[in-house]
PDB file of N, CA and C in Angstrom:
ATOM      1  N   MET A   1      54.715  -1.683 174.499  1.00  0.00           N
ATOM      2  CA  MET A   1      55.068  -0.748 175.417  1.00  0.00           C
ATOM      3  C   MET A   1      54.089   0.600 175.108  1.00  0.00           C
ATOM      4  N   LYS A   2      53.905   0.945 173.778  1.00  0.00           N
ATOM      5  CA  LYS A   2      53.239   1.945 173.466  1.00  0.00           C
ATOM      6  C   LYS A   2      51.707   1.855 173.751  1.00  0.00           C
ATOM      7  N   LYS A   3      51.163   0.647 173.442  1.00  0.00           N
ATOM      8  CA  LYS A   3      49.981   0.261 173.533  1.00  0.00           C
ATOM      9  C   LYS A   3      49.331   0.056 175.014  1.00  0.00           C
ATOM     10  N   THR A   4      50.364  -0.241 175.884  1.00  0.00           N
ATOM     11  CA  THR A   4      50.359  -0.393 177.276  1.00  0.00           C
ATOM     12  C   THR A   4      50.107   1.022 177.875  1.00  0.00           C
ATOM     13  N   PHE A   5      50.829   2.147 177.211  1.00  0.00           N
ATOM     14  CA  PHE A   5      50.595   3.441 177.824  1.00  0.00           C
ATOM     15  C   PHE A   5      49.156   3.693 177.569  1.00  0.00           C
ATOM     16  N   LEU A   6      48.579   3.734 176.313  1.00  0.00           N
ATOM     17  CA  LEU A   6      47.578   4.052 175.779  1.00  0.00           C
ATOM     18  C   LEU A   6      46.286   3.466 176.809  1.00  0.00           C
ATOM     19  N   ILE A   7      46.544   2.175 177.182  1.00  0.00           N
ATOM     20  CA  ILE A   7      45.321   1.499 177.865  1.00  0.00           C
ATOM     21  C   ILE A   7      45.731   2.256 179.165  1.00  0.00           C
ATOM     22  N   ILE A   8      46.773   2.374 179.703  1.00  0.00           N
ATOM     23  CA  ILE A   8      46.937   3.048 181.180  1.00  0.00           C
ATOM     24  C   ILE A   8      46.492   4.554 181.206  1.00  0.00           C
ATOM     25  N   VAL A   9      46.533   5.202 179.904  1.00  0.00           N
ATOM     26  CA  VAL A   9      46.227   6.609 180.002  1.00  0.00           C
ATOM     27  C   VAL A   9      44.435   6.330 179.949  1.00  0.00           C
ATOM     28  N   PHE A  10      43.884   5.320 179.256  1.00  0.00           N
ATOM     29  CA  PHE A  10      42.414   5.064 179.216  1.00  0.00           C
ATOM     30  C   PHE A  10      42.088   5.219 180.653  1.00  0.00           C
ATOM     31  N   LEU A  11      42.432   3.797 181.484  1.00  0.00           N
ATOM     32  CA  LEU A  11      42.259   3.735 182.742  1.00  0.00           C
ATOM     33  C   LEU A  11      42.241   4.738 183.711  1.00  0.00           C
ATOM     34  N   CYS A  12      43.540   5.720 183.883  1.00  0.00           N
ATOM     35  CA  CYS A  12      43.560   6.950 184.544  1.00  0.00           C
ATOM     36  C   CYS A  12      42.521   7.916 183.963  1.00  0.00           C
ATOM     37  N   PHE A  13      42.495   8.176 182.694  1.00  0.00           N
ATOM     38  CA  PHE A  13      41.151   9.271 182.271  1.00  0.00           C
ATOM     39  C   PHE A  13      40.025   8.833 182.585  1.00  0.00           C
ATOM     40  N   TYR A  14      39.658   7.417 182.479  1.00  0.00           N
ATOM     41  CA  TYR A  14      38.215   6.935 182.595  1.00  0.00           C
ATOM     42  C   TYR A  14      37.933   7.168 184.065  1.00  0.00           C
ATOM     43  N   GLY A  15      39.169   6.674 184.903  1.00  0.00           N
ATOM     44  CA  GLY A  15      38.765   7.059 186.479  1.00  0.00           C
ATOM     45  C   GLY A  15      38.704   8.399 187.184  1.00  0.00           C
ATOM     46  N   MET A  16      38.919   9.263 186.231  1.00  0.00           N
ATOM     47  CA  MET A  16      39.125  10.786 186.691  1.00  0.00           C
ATOM     48  C   MET A  16      37.645  11.111 186.932  1.00  0.00           C
ATOM     49  N   ASN A  17      37.446  11.674 188.086  1.00  0.00           N
ATOM     50  CA  ASN A  17      36.023  12.261 188.573  1.00  0.00           C
ATOM     51  C   ASN A  17      36.486  13.751 188.321  1.00  0.00           C
ATOM     52  N   LEU A  18      35.857  14.284 187.273  1.00  0.00           N
ATOM     53  CA  LEU A  18      36.231  15.509 186.728  1.00  0.00           C
ATOM     54  C   LEU A  18      35.550  16.569 187.998  1.00  0.00           C
ATOM     55  N   SER A  19      34.431  16.523 188.406  1.00  0.00           N
ATOM     56  CA  SER A  19      33.671  17.147 189.115  1.00  0.00           C
ATOM     57  C   SER A  19      34.338  17.409 190.559  1.00  0.00           C
ATOM     58  N   ALA A  20      34.897  16.305 190.801  1.00  0.00           N
ATOM     59  CA  ALA A  20      35.522  16.165 192.299  1.00  0.00           C
ATOM     60  C   ALA A  20      36.983  16.727 192.351  1.00  0.00           C
ATOM     61  N   GLN A  21      37.830  16.876 191.100  1.00  0.00           N
ATOM     62  CA  GLN A  21      38.895  17.172 191.312  1.00  0.00           C
ATOM     63  C   GLN A  21      39.074  18.677 190.906  1.00  0.00           C
ATOM     64  N   SER A  22      40.266  19.272 191.340  1.00  0.00           N
ATOM     65  CA  SER A  22      40.448  20.724 191.008  1.00  0.00           C
ATOM     66  C   SER A  22      41.074  20.878 189.863  1.00  0.00           C
ATOM     67  N   PHE A  23      40.943  21.976 189.201  1.00  0.00           N
ATOM     68  CA  PHE A  23      41.664  22.344 187.811  1.00  0.00           C
ATOM     69  C   PHE A  23      42.950  22.181 187.808  1.00  0.00           C
ATOM     70  N   GLU A  24      43.986  22.356 188.851  1.00  0.00           N
ATOM     71  CA  GLU A  24      45.139  22.275 188.819  1.00  0.00           C
ATOM     72  C   GLU A  24      45.412  20.660 188.972  1.00  0.00           C
ATOM     73  N   GLU A  25      44.690  19.916 189.503  1.00  0.00           N
ATOM     74  CA  GLU A  25      44.952  18.478 189.379  1.00  0.00           C
ATOM     75  C   GLU A  25      44.748  17.962 188.274  1.00  0.00           C
ATOM     76  N   ILE A  26      43.651  18.471 187.576  1.00  0.00           N
ATOM     77  CA  ILE A  26      43.470  17.867 185.994  1.00  0.00           C
ATOM     78  C   ILE A  26      44.674  18.498 185.205  1.00  0.00           C
ATOM     79  N   LYS A  27      45.041  19.479 185.475  1.00  0.00           N
ATOM     80  CA  LYS A  27      45.856  20.139 184.567  1.00  0.00           C
ATOM     81  C   LYS A  27      47.307  19.127 184.856  1.00  0.00           C
ATOM     82  N   SER A  28      47.419  19.078 185.979  1.00  0.00           N
ATOM     83  CA  SER A  28      48.691  18.136 186.331  1.00  0.00           C
ATOM     84  C   SER A  28      48.711  16.516 185.685  1.00  0.00           C
ATOM     85  N   GLN A  29      47.485  16.226 185.645  1.00  0.00           N
ATOM     86  CA  GLN A  29      47.363  14.658 185.081  1.00  0.00           C
ATOM     87  C   GLN A  29      47.459  14.638 183.546  1.00  0.00           C
ATOM     88  N   CYS A  30      46.802  15.816 182.897  1.00  0.00           N
ATOM     89  CA  CYS A  30      47.150  16.074 181.348  1.00  0.00           C
ATOM     90  C   CYS A  30      48.294  16.445 181.346  1.00  0.00           C
ATOM     91  N   LYS A  31      49.224  16.926 181.815  1.00  0.00           N
ATOM     92  CA  LYS A  31      50.464  17.275 181.466  1.00  0.00           C
ATOM     93  C   LYS A  31      51.106  15.826 181.482  1.00  0.00           C
ATOM     94  N   SER A  32      51.180  15.299 182.788  1.00  0.00           N
ATOM     95  CA  SER A  32      51.691  13.922 182.600  1.00  0.00           C
ATOM     96  C   SER A  32      51.594  12.917 181.507  1.00  0.00           C
ATOM     97  N   MET A  33      50.147  13.011 181.101  1.00  0.00           N
ATOM     98  CA  MET A  33      49.725  12.141 180.218  1.00  0.00           C
ATOM     99  C   MET A  33      50.367  12.602 178.731  1.00  0.00           C
ATOM    100  N   LEU A  34      50.444  13.823 178.486  1.00  0.00           N
ATOM    101  CA  LEU A  34      51.255  14.251 177.289  1.00  0.00           C
ATOM    102  C   LEU A  34      52.468  14.342 177.340  1.00  0.00           C
ATOM    103  N   ASN A  35      53.316  14.299 178.335  1.00  0.00           N
ATOM    104  CA  ASN A  35      54.575  14.242 178.532  1.00  0.00           C
ATOM    105  C   ASN A  35      55.025  12.866 177.964  1.00  0.00           C
ATOM    106  N   GLU A  36      54.216  11.904 178.619  1.00  0.00           N
ATOM    107  CA  GLU A  36      54.636  10.432 178.051  1.00  0.00           C
ATOM    108  C   GLU A  36      54.162  10.160 176.842  1.00  0.00           C
ATOM    109  N   PHE A  37      53.069  10.924 176.371  1.00  0.00           N
ATOM    110  CA  PHE A  37      52.731  10.527 174.831  1.00  0.00           C
ATOM    111  C   PHE A  37      53.832  11.153 174.000  1.00  0.00           C
ATOM    112  N   CYS A  38      54.590  12.159 174.214  1.00  0.00           N
ATOM    113  CA  CYS A  38      55.406  12.963 173.539  1.00  0.00           C
ATOM    114  C   CYS A  38      56.685  12.149 173.414  1.00  0.00           C
ATOM    115  N   GLU A  39      56.919  11.359 174.598  1.00  0.00           N
ATOM    116  CA  GLU A  39      57.978  10.577 174.619  1.00  0.00           C
ATOM    117  C   GLU A  39      58.202   9.286 173.832  1.00  0.00           C
ATOM    118  N   LEU A  40      56.816   8.757 173.805  1.00  0.00           N
ATOM    119  CA  LEU A  40      56.659   7.658 173.212  1.00  0.00           C
ATOM    120  C   LEU A  40      56.274   7.732 171.619  1.00  0.00           C
ATOM    121  N   TYR A  41      55.904   9.129 171.198  1.00  0.00           N
ATOM    122  CA  TYR A  41      55.240   8.921 169.871  1.00  0.00           C
ATOM    123  C   TYR A  41      55.819  10.247 168.848  1.00  0.00           C
ATOM    124  N   TYR A  42      56.623  11.190 169.710  1.00  0.00           N
ATOM    125  CA  TYR A  42      56.895  12.462 168.854  1.00  0.00           C
ATOM    126  C   TYR A  42      57.603  12.148 167.451  1.00  0.00           C
ATOM    127  N   ASP A  43      58.907  11.214 167.920  1.00  0.00           N
ATOM    128  CA  ASP A  43      59.745  11.043 166.825  1.00  0.00           C
ATOM    129  C   ASP A  43      59.181  10.155 165.657  1.00  0.00           C
ATOM    130  N   ASP A  44      57.918   9.280 165.928  1.00  0.00           N
ATOM    131  CA  ASP A  44      57.337   8.547 164.665  1.00  0.00           C
ATOM    132  C   ASP A  44      56.424   9.509 164.203  1.00  0.00           C
ATOM    133  N   CYS A  45      55.788  10.464 164.796  1.00  0.00           N
ATOM    134  CA  CYS A  45      54.502  11.397 164.300  1.00  0.00           C
ATOM    135  C   CYS A  45      55.449  12.595 163.571  1.00  0.00           C
ATOM    136  N   PHE A  46      56.431  13.306 163.989  1.00  0.00           N
ATOM    137  CA  PHE A  46      56.896  14.376 163.447  1.00  0.00           C
ATOM    138  C   PHE A  46      58.450  13.973 162.976  1.00  0.00           C
ATOM    139  N   GLY A  47      58.645  13.165 162.206  1.00  0.00           N
ATOM    140  CA  GLY A  47      59.953  12.539 161.773  1.00  0.00           C
ATOM    141  C   GLY A  47      61.142  13.675 161.421  1.00  0.00           C
ATOM    142  N   GLY A  48      62.137  13.529 162.207  1.00  0.00           N
ATOM    143  CA  GLY A  48      63.569  14.412 161.874  1.00  0.00           C
ATOM    144  C   GLY A  48      63.339  15.323 163.276  1.00  0.00           C
ATOM    145  N   ARG A  49      62.549  15.045 164.107  1.00  0.00           N
ATOM    146  CA  ARG A  49      62.465  15.953 165.126  1.00  0.00           C
ATOM    147  C   ARG A  49      62.123  15.294 166.529  1.00  0.00           C
ATOM    148  N   GLU A  50      62.952  15.703 167.672  1.00  0.00           N
ATOM    149  CA  GLU A  50      62.952  14.929 168.812  1.00  0.00           C
ATOM    150  C   GLU A  50      62.363  15.753 170.032  1.00  0.00           C
ATOM    151  N   TYR A  51      61.386  15.248 170.722  1.00  0.00           N
ATOM    152  CA  TYR A  51      60.820  15.788 171.551  1.00  0.00           C
ATOM    153  C   TYR A  51      61.844  15.988 173.056  1.00  0.00           C
ATOM    154  N   ILE A  52      61.884  17.216 173.568  1.00  0.00           N
ATOM    155  CA  ILE A  52      62.582  17.160 174.742  1.00  0.00           C
ATOM    156  C   ILE A  52      62.017  16.750 175.801  1.00  0.00           C
ATOM    157  N   VAL A  53      62.479  15.679 176.598  1.00  0.00           N
ATOM    158  CA  VAL A  53      61.629  15.287 177.848  1.00  0.00           C
ATOM    159  C   VAL A  53      61.375  16.199 178.849  1.00  0.00           C
ATOM    160  N   LYS A  54      60.106  15.962 179.286  1.00  0.00           N
ATOM    161  CA  LYS A  54      59.475  16.834 180.142  1.00  0.00           C
ATOM    162  C   LYS A  54      59.551  18.426 180.023  1.00  0.00           C
ATOM    163  N   SER A  55      59.423  18.672 178.737  1.00  0.00           N
ATOM    164  CA  SER A  55      59.452  19.963 178.350  1.00  0.00           C
ATOM    165  C   SER A  55      58.230  20.728 178.349  1.00  0.00           C
ATOM    166  N   LEU A  56      57.005  19.936 178.308  1.00  0.00           N
ATOM    167  CA  LEU A  56      55.631  20.226 177.803  1.00  0.00           C
ATOM    168  C   LEU A  56      55.138  20.986 179.015  1.00  0.00           C
ATOM    169  N   THR A  57      54.460  22.140 178.950  1.00  0.00           N
ATOM    170  CA  THR A  57      53.999  22.911 179.676  1.00  0.00           C
ATOM    171  C   THR A  57      52.381  23.105 179.372  1.00  0.00           C
ATOM    172  N   VAL A  58      51.479  23.237 180.184  1.00  0.00           N
ATOM    173  CA  VAL A  58      50.000  23.237 180.242  1.00  0.00           C
ATOM    174  C   VAL A  58      49.736  24.736 180.571  1.00  0.00           C
ATOM    175  N   THR A  59      48.945  25.494 179.755  1.00  0.00           N
ATOM    176  CA  THR A  59      48.579  26.786 179.950  1.00  0.00           C
ATOM    177  C   THR A  59      47.150  26.797 180.021  1.00  0.00           C
ATOM    178  N   ASP A  60      46.413  25.676 179.439  1.00  0.00           N
ATOM    179  CA  ASP A  60      44.861  25.991 179.450  1.00  0.00           C
ATOM    180  C   ASP A  60      44.172  24.489 179.376  1.00  0.00           C
ATOM    181  N   VAL A  61      43.310  24.204 179.834  1.00  0.00           N
ATOM    182  CA  VAL A  61      42.385  22.950 179.865  1.00  0.00           C
ATOM    183  C   VAL A  61      40.962  23.315 179.736  1.00  0.00           C
ATOM    184  N   GLU A  62      40.460  22.743 178.565  1.00  0.00           N
ATOM    185  CA  GLU A  62      38.912  23.164 178.379  1.00  0.00           C
ATOM    186  C   GLU A  62      38.152  21.749 178.112  1.00  0.00           C
ATOM    187  N   PHE A  63      37.016  21.673 178.862  1.00  0.00           N
ATOM    188  CA  PHE A  63      36.211  20.701 178.484  1.00  0.00           C
ATOM    189  C   PHE A  63      35.162  20.669 177.282  1.00  0.00           C
ATOM    190  N   LYS A  64      35.606  20.175 176.257  1.00  0.00           N
ATOM    191  CA  LYS A  64      35.088  20.376 175.087  1.00  0.00           C
ATOM    192  C   LYS A  64      33.594  19.862 175.145  1.00  0.00           C
ATOM    193  N   ASP A  65      33.333  18.310 175.878  1.00  0.00           N
ATOM    194  CA  ASP A  65      32.179  17.650 175.901  1.00  0.00           C
ATOM    195  C   ASP A  65      32.368  16.559 176.933  1.00  0.00           C
ATOM    196  N   GLU A  66      31.715  15.656 177.205  1.00  0.00           N
ATOM    197  CA  GLU A  66      31.687  14.731 178.687  1.00  0.00           C
ATOM    198  C   GLU A  66      32.754  13.937 178.270  1.00  0.00           C
ATOM    199  N   ASN A  67      33.179  13.687 177.071  1.00  0.00           N
ATOM    200  CA  ASN A  67      34.471  12.768 176.714  1.00  0.00           C
ATOM    201  C   ASN A  67      35.504  13.359 176.185  1.00  0.00           C
ATOM    202  N   THR A  68      35.712  14.575 176.153  1.00  0.00           N
ATOM    203  CA  THR A  68      36.692  15.011 175.440  1.00  0.00           C
ATOM    204  C   THR A  68      37.558  16.484 176.105  1.00  0.00           C
ATOM    205  N   ILE A  69      38.838  16.615 176.393  1.00  0.00           N
ATOM    206  CA  ILE A  69      39.540  17.570 177.105  1.00  0.00           C
ATOM    207  C   ILE A  69      40.279  17.939 176.088  1.00  0.00           C
ATOM    208  N   ARG A  70      40.406  19.435 175.872  1.00  0.00           N
ATOM    209  CA  ARG A  70      41.594  20.253 174.923  1.00  0.00           C
ATOM    210  C   ARG A  70      42.198  20.663 175.982  1.00  0.00           C
ATOM    211  N   VAL A  71      43.697  20.522 175.792  1.00  0.00           N
ATOM    212  CA  VAL A  71      45.058  21.143 176.531  1.00  0.00           C
ATOM    213  C   VAL A  71      45.797  21.699 175.588  1.00  0.00           C
ATOM    214  N   LYS A  72      46.216  22.761 176.007  1.00  0.00           N
ATOM    215  CA  LYS A  72      46.828  23.857 175.375  1.00  0.00           C
ATOM    216  C   LYS A  72      48.289  24.312 176.372  1.00  0.00           C
ATOM    217  N   GLY A  73      49.264  24.584 175.316  1.00  0.00           N
ATOM    218  CA  GLY A  73      50.598  24.777 175.960  1.00  0.00           C
ATOM    219  C   GLY A  73      51.790  24.963 175.037  1.00  0.00           C
ATOM    220  N   LYS A  74      52.879  25.026 175.258  1.00  0.00           N
ATOM    221  CA  LYS A  74      54.178  25.008 174.762  1.00  0.00           C
ATOM    222  C   LYS A  74      54.894  23.630 175.095  1.00  0.00           C
ATOM    223  N   HIS A  75      55.846  23.342 174.170  1.00  0.00           N
ATOM    224  CA  HIS A  75      56.526  22.338 174.351  1.00  0.00           C
ATOM    225  C   HIS A  75      58.062  22.565 173.625  1.00  0.00           C
ATOM    226  N   ARG A  76      59.079  21.794 173.974  1.00  0.00           N
ATOM    227  CA  ARG A  76      60.528  22.157 173.185  1.00  0.00           C
ATOM    228  C   ARG A  76      60.733  20.818 172.552  1.00  0.00           C
ATOM    229  N   TYR A  77      61.612  20.875 171.500  1.00  0.00           N
ATOM    230  CA  TYR A  77      61.903  19.684 170.638  1.00  0.00           C
ATOM    231  C   TYR A  77      63.208  20.039 169.854  1.00  0.00           C
ATOM    232  N   LEU A  78      63.845  19.135 169.437  1.00  0.00           N
ATOM    233  CA  LEU A  78      65.110  19.297 168.544  1.00  0.00           C
ATOM    234  C   LEU A  78      64.689  19.330 167.213  1.00  0.00           C
ATOM    235  N   ASN A  79      65.031  20.290 166.313  1.00  0.00           N
ATOM    236  CA  ASN A  79      64.535  20.369 165.128  1.00  0.00           C
ATOM    237  C   ASN A  79      65.467  19.580 164.192  1.00  0.00           C
ATOM    238  N   TYR A  80      65.233  19.881 162.878  1.00  0.00           N
ATOM    239  CA  TYR A  80      65.822  19.028 161.916  1.00  0.00           C
ATOM    240  C   TYR A  80      67.500  19.025 162.035  1.00  0.00           C
ATOM    241  N   ILE A  81      67.873  20.423 162.457  1.00  0.00           N
ATOM    242  CA  ILE A  81      69.581  20.517 162.415  1.00  0.00           C
ATOM    243  C   ILE A  81      69.962  20.501 163.878  1.00  0.00           C
ATOM    244  N   ASN A  82      69.001  19.856 164.918  1.00  0.00           N
ATOM    245  CA  ASN A  82      69.359  19.378 166.135  1.00  0.00           C
ATOM    246  C   ASN A  82      69.412  20.795 167.005  1.00  0.00           C
ATOM    247  N   LEU A  83      68.827  21.997 166.780  1.00  0.00           N
ATOM    248  CA  LEU A  83      68.742  22.953 167.441  1.00  0.00           C
ATOM    249  C   LEU A  83      67.432  22.922 168.290  1.00  0.00           C
ATOM    250  N   SER A  84      67.445  23.570 169.420  1.00  0.00           N
ATOM    251  CA  SER A  84      66.292  23.536 170.274  1.00  0.00           C
ATOM    252  C   SER A  84      65.326  24.352 170.026  1.00  0.00           C
ATOM    253  N   ALA A  85      64.002  24.137 169.581  1.00  0.00           N
ATOM    254  CA  ALA A  85      62.822  25.063 169.477  1.00  0.00           C
ATOM    255  C   ALA A  85      61.726  24.960 170.368  1.00  0.00           C
ATOM    256  N   THR A  86      61.029  26.104 170.410  1.00  0.00           N
ATOM    257  CA  THR A  86      59.993  26.053 171.406  1.00  0.00           C
ATOM    258  C   THR A  86      58.631  26.251 170.331  1.00  0.00           C
ATOM    259  N   ALA A  87      57.281  25.359 170.326  1.00  0.00           N
ATOM    260  CA  ALA A  87      56.275  25.445 169.747  1.00  0.00           C
ATOM    261  C   ALA A  87      55.014  25.534 170.565  1.00  0.00           C
ATOM    262  N   SER A  88      54.089  26.004 170.248  1.00  0.00           N
ATOM    263  CA  SER A  88      52.792  26.032 170.811  1.00  0.00           C
ATOM    264  C   SER A  88      52.122  24.587 170.367  1.00  0.00           C
ATOM    265  N   TYR A  89      51.171  24.030 171.192  1.00  0.00           N
ATOM    266  CA  TYR A  89      50.619  23.038 170.700  1.00  0.00           C
ATOM    267  C   TYR A  89      49.340  22.705 171.429  1.00  0.00           C
ATOM    268  N   TYR A  90      48.277  22.199 170.744  1.00  0.00           N
ATOM    269  CA  TYR A  90      46.900  21.745 171.488  1.00  0.00           C
ATOM    270  C   TYR A  90      46.797  20.292 171.464  1.00  0.00           C
ATOM    271  N   ALA A  91      46.141  19.781 172.192  1.00  0.00           N
ATOM    272  CA  ALA A  91      45.857  18.252 172.185  1.00  0.00           C
ATOM    273  C   ALA A  91      44.438  17.994 172.610  1.00  0.00           C
ATOM    274  N   ASP A  92      43.870  16.813 172.045  1.00  0.00           N
ATOM    275  CA  ASP A  92      42.544  16.592 172.292  1.00  0.00           C
ATOM    276  C   ASP A  92      42.794  15.332 173.065  1.00  0.00           C
ATOM    277  N   ILE A  93      42.074  14.813 174.095  1.00  0.00           N
ATOM    278  CA  ILE A  93      42.420  13.560 174.901  1.00  0.00           C
ATOM    279  C   ILE A  93      40.599  13.316 174.955  1.00  0.00           C
ATOM    280  N   TYR A  94      40.462  12.089 174.133  1.00  0.00           N
ATOM    281  CA  TYR A  94      39.100  11.789 174.014  1.00  0.00           C
ATOM    282  C   TYR A  94      38.737  10.270 174.630  1.00  0.00           C
ATOM    283  N   ARG A  95      37.952  10.060 175.417  1.00  0.00           N
ATOM    284  CA  ARG A  95      37.665   8.766 176.117  1.00  0.00           C
ATOM    285  C   ARG A  95      36.337   8.347 176.074  1.00  0.00           C
ATOM    286  N   ASN A  96      35.956   7.343 175.961  1.00  0.00           N
ATOM    287  CA  ASN A  96      34.697   6.622 176.055  1.00  0.00           C
ATOM    288  C   ASN A  96      34.757   5.349 177.029  1.00  0.00           C
ATOM    289  N   ARG A  97      33.973   4.590 177.095  1.00  0.00           N
ATOM    290  CA  ARG A  97      34.196   3.303 177.899  1.00  0.00           C
ATOM    291  C   ARG A  97      35.085   2.396 177.591  1.00  0.00           C
ATOM    292  N   ASN A  98      35.429   2.233 176.460  1.00  0.00           N
ATOM    293  CA  ASN A  98      36.305   1.050 175.753  1.00  0.00           C
ATOM    294  C   ASN A  98      37.401   1.935 174.822  1.00  0.00           C
ATOM    295  N   TYR A  99      37.591   3.058 175.137  1.00  0.00           N
ATOM    296  CA  TYR A  99      38.435   3.563 174.049  1.00  0.00           C
ATOM    297  C   TYR A  99      39.024   4.932 174.527  1.00  0.00           C
ATOM    298  N   VAL A 100      40.223   5.227 174.082  1.00  0.00           N
ATOM    299  CA  VAL A 100      40.982   6.473 174.240  1.00  0.00           C
ATOM    300  C   VAL A 100      41.657   6.898 173.446  1.00  0.00           C
ATOM    301  N   LYS A 101      41.660   8.039 172.749  1.00  0.00           N
ATOM    302  CA  LYS A 101      42.237   8.562 171.619  1.00  0.00           C
ATOM    303  C   LYS A 101      43.131   9.977 171.976  1.00  0.00           C
ATOM    304  N   ILE A 102      44.362  10.269 171.692  1.00  0.00           N
ATOM    305  CA  ILE A 102      45.042  11.570 172.095  1.00  0.00           C
ATOM    306  C   ILE A 102      45.320  11.889 170.514  1.00  0.00           C
ATOM    307  N   THR A 103      44.874  13.243 170.346  1.00  0.00           N
ATOM    308  CA  THR A 103      45.323  13.789 168.982  1.00  0.00           C
ATOM    309  C   THR A 103      46.126  15.194 169.520  1.00  0.00           C
ATOM    310  N   PHE A 104      47.555  15.176 169.199  1.00  0.00           N
ATOM    311  CA  PHE A 104      48.376  16.134 169.321  1.00  0.00           C
ATOM    312  C   PHE A 104      48.635  17.037 168.171  1.00  0.00           C
ATOM    313  N   HIS A 105      48.434  18.122 168.493  1.00  0.00           N
ATOM    314  CA  HIS A 105      48.631  19.320 167.043  1.00  0.00           C
ATOM    315  C   HIS A 105      49.897  19.971 167.734  1.00  0.00           C
ATOM    316  N   LYS A 106      51.055  20.229 166.781  1.00  0.00           N
ATOM    317  CA  LYS A 106      51.974  20.941 167.166  1.00  0.00           C
ATOM    318  C   LYS A 106      52.132  22.158 166.037  1.00  0.00           C
ATOM    319  N   GLN A 107      52.675  23.437 166.375  1.00  0.00           N
ATOM    320  CA  GLN A 107      52.552  24.396 165.610  1.00  0.00           C
ATOM    321  C   GLN A 107      54.012  24.154 164.990  1.00  0.00           C
ATOM    322  N   SER A 108      54.162  24.254 163.582  1.00  0.00           N
ATOM    323  CA  SER A 108      55.438  24.315 162.971  1.00  0.00           C
ATOM    324  C   SER A 108      55.771  25.424 162.181  1.00  0.00           C
ATOM    325  N   GLU A 109      56.851  25.737 161.725  1.00  0.00           N
ATOM    326  CA  GLU A 109      57.457  26.924 160.713  1.00  0.00           C
ATOM    327  C   GLU A 109      57.961  26.378 159.516  1.00  0.00           C
ATOM    328  N   ASP A 110      57.587  26.708 158.551  1.00  0.00           N
ATOM    329  CA  ASP A 110      58.331  26.456 157.252  1.00  0.00           C
ATOM    330  C   ASP A 110      59.316  27.421 157.022  1.00  0.00           C
ATOM    331  N   VAL A 111      60.332  27.150 156.028  1.00  0.00           N
ATOM    332  CA  VAL A 111      61.699  27.829 155.971  1.00  0.00           C
ATOM    333  C   VAL A 111      61.443  29.442 155.604  1.00  0.00           C
ATOM    334  N   PHE A 112      60.131  29.659 155.134  1.00  0.00           N
ATOM    335  CA  PHE A 112      59.653  31.086 154.886  1.00  0.00           C
ATOM    336  C   PHE A 112      59.216  31.792 156.256  1.00  0.00           C
ATOM    337  N   GLY A 113      59.111  30.952 157.221  1.00  0.00           N
ATOM    338  CA  GLY A 113      58.614  31.844 158.393  1.00  0.00           C
ATOM    339  C   GLY A 113      57.005  31.583 158.726  1.00  0.00           C
ATOM    340  N   ASP A 114      56.440  31.062 157.553  1.00  0.00           N
ATOM    341  CA  ASP A 114      55.018  30.720 157.777  1.00  0.00           C
ATOM    342  C   ASP A 114      54.802  29.544 158.657  1.00  0.00           C
ATOM    343  N   THR A 115      53.771  29.799 159.522  1.00  0.00           N
ATOM    344  CA  THR A 115      53.362  28.831 160.672  1.00  0.00           C
ATOM    345  C   THR A 115      52.358  28.007 159.868  1.00  0.00           C
ATOM    346  N   TYR A 116      52.202  26.713 160.317  1.00  0.00           N
ATOM    347  CA  TYR A 116      51.148  25.725 160.035  1.00  0.00           C
ATOM    348  C   TYR A 116      51.014  24.755 161.338  1.00  0.00           C
ATOM    349  N   TRP A 117      49.898  23.784 161.230  1.00  0.00           N
ATOM    350  CA  TRP A 117      49.908  22.688 162.198  1.00  0.00           C
ATOM    351  C   TRP A 117      50.057  21.430 161.798  1.00  0.00           C
ATOM    352  N   GLU A 118      50.772  20.524 162.335  1.00  0.00           N
ATOM    353  CA  GLU A 118      51.012  19.143 162.134  1.00  0.00           C
ATOM    354  C   GLU A 118      50.172  18.365 163.422  1.00  0.00           C
ATOM    355  N   GLU A 119      49.871  17.236 162.916  1.00  0.00           N
ATOM    356  CA  GLU A 119      48.656  16.322 163.737  1.00  0.00           C
ATOM    357  C   GLU A 119      49.364  15.041 163.956  1.00  0.00           C
ATOM    358  N   CYS A 120      49.315  14.361 165.326  1.00  0.00           N
ATOM    359  CA  CYS A 120      49.525  13.001 165.417  1.00  0.00           C
ATOM    360  C   CYS A 120      48.194  12.409 166.181  1.00  0.00           C
ATOM    361  N   THR A 121      47.896  11.460 165.655  1.00  0.00           N
ATOM    362  CA  THR A 121      46.835  10.771 166.638  1.00  0.00           C
ATOM    363  C   THR A 121      47.215   9.235 166.856  1.00  0.00           C
ATOM    364  N   ARG A 122      47.338   8.939 168.119  1.00  0.00           N
ATOM    365  CA  ARG A 122      47.139   7.689 168.527  1.00  0.00           C
ATOM    366  C   ARG A 122      45.848   7.241 169.403  1.00  0.00           C
ATOM    367  N   ASP A 123      45.444   5.928 169.071  1.00  0.00           N
ATOM    368  CA  ASP A 123      44.511   5.404 170.136  1.00  0.00           C
ATOM    369  C   ASP A 123      44.679   4.064 170.503  1.00  0.00           C
ATOM    370  N   SER A 124      43.991   3.809 171.793  1.00  0.00           N
ATOM    371  CA  SER A 124      44.046   2.408 172.178  1.00  0.00           C
ATOM    372  C   SER A 124      43.804   1.162 171.063  1.00  0.00           C
ATOM    373  N   ASP A 125      43.633   1.245 169.966  1.00  0.00           N
ATOM    374  CA  ASP A 125      43.466   0.413 169.047  1.00  0.00           C
ATOM    375  C   ASP A 125      44.931   0.261 168.389  1.00  0.00           C
ATOM    376  N   ASP A 126      45.645   1.260 168.415  1.00  0.00           N
ATOM    377  CA  ASP A 126      46.789   1.347 167.788  1.00  0.00           C
ATOM    378  C   ASP A 126      47.728   0.254 168.481  1.00  0.00           C
ATOM    379  N   ASP A 127      48.726  -0.718 167.544  1.00  0.00           N
ATOM    380  CA  ASP A 127      49.830  -1.320 168.060  1.00  0.00           C
ATOM    381  C   ASP A 127      50.845  -0.749 168.698  1.00  0.00           C
TER     382      ASP A 127
END
């Protein structure tokens, strides 16, 4: 199922005609992809925390190069003690002819209140 998701993302992302779409359409597609990504991989990537379905928002989309889009925003999750928390994220969606990779970076906080970034990467070669 998870590999199928990445293949579908690849096909959608590869088929995106970035110059012909509005910023809002691209933002909406990225939001949909990242919500699905988090539903599938969040628990595996960030053990002990659970993504709150459809909580991801997109505040910015940036074209890093012809193959990579960076998406920024906020999302909610249940932390280690099952309390809802909100965190910033940024994600890089990379694609070429035969491959798609999503790297999701979430901001976290340690017990002293210091923030740091955690990363999760999945690609079309993952099982």
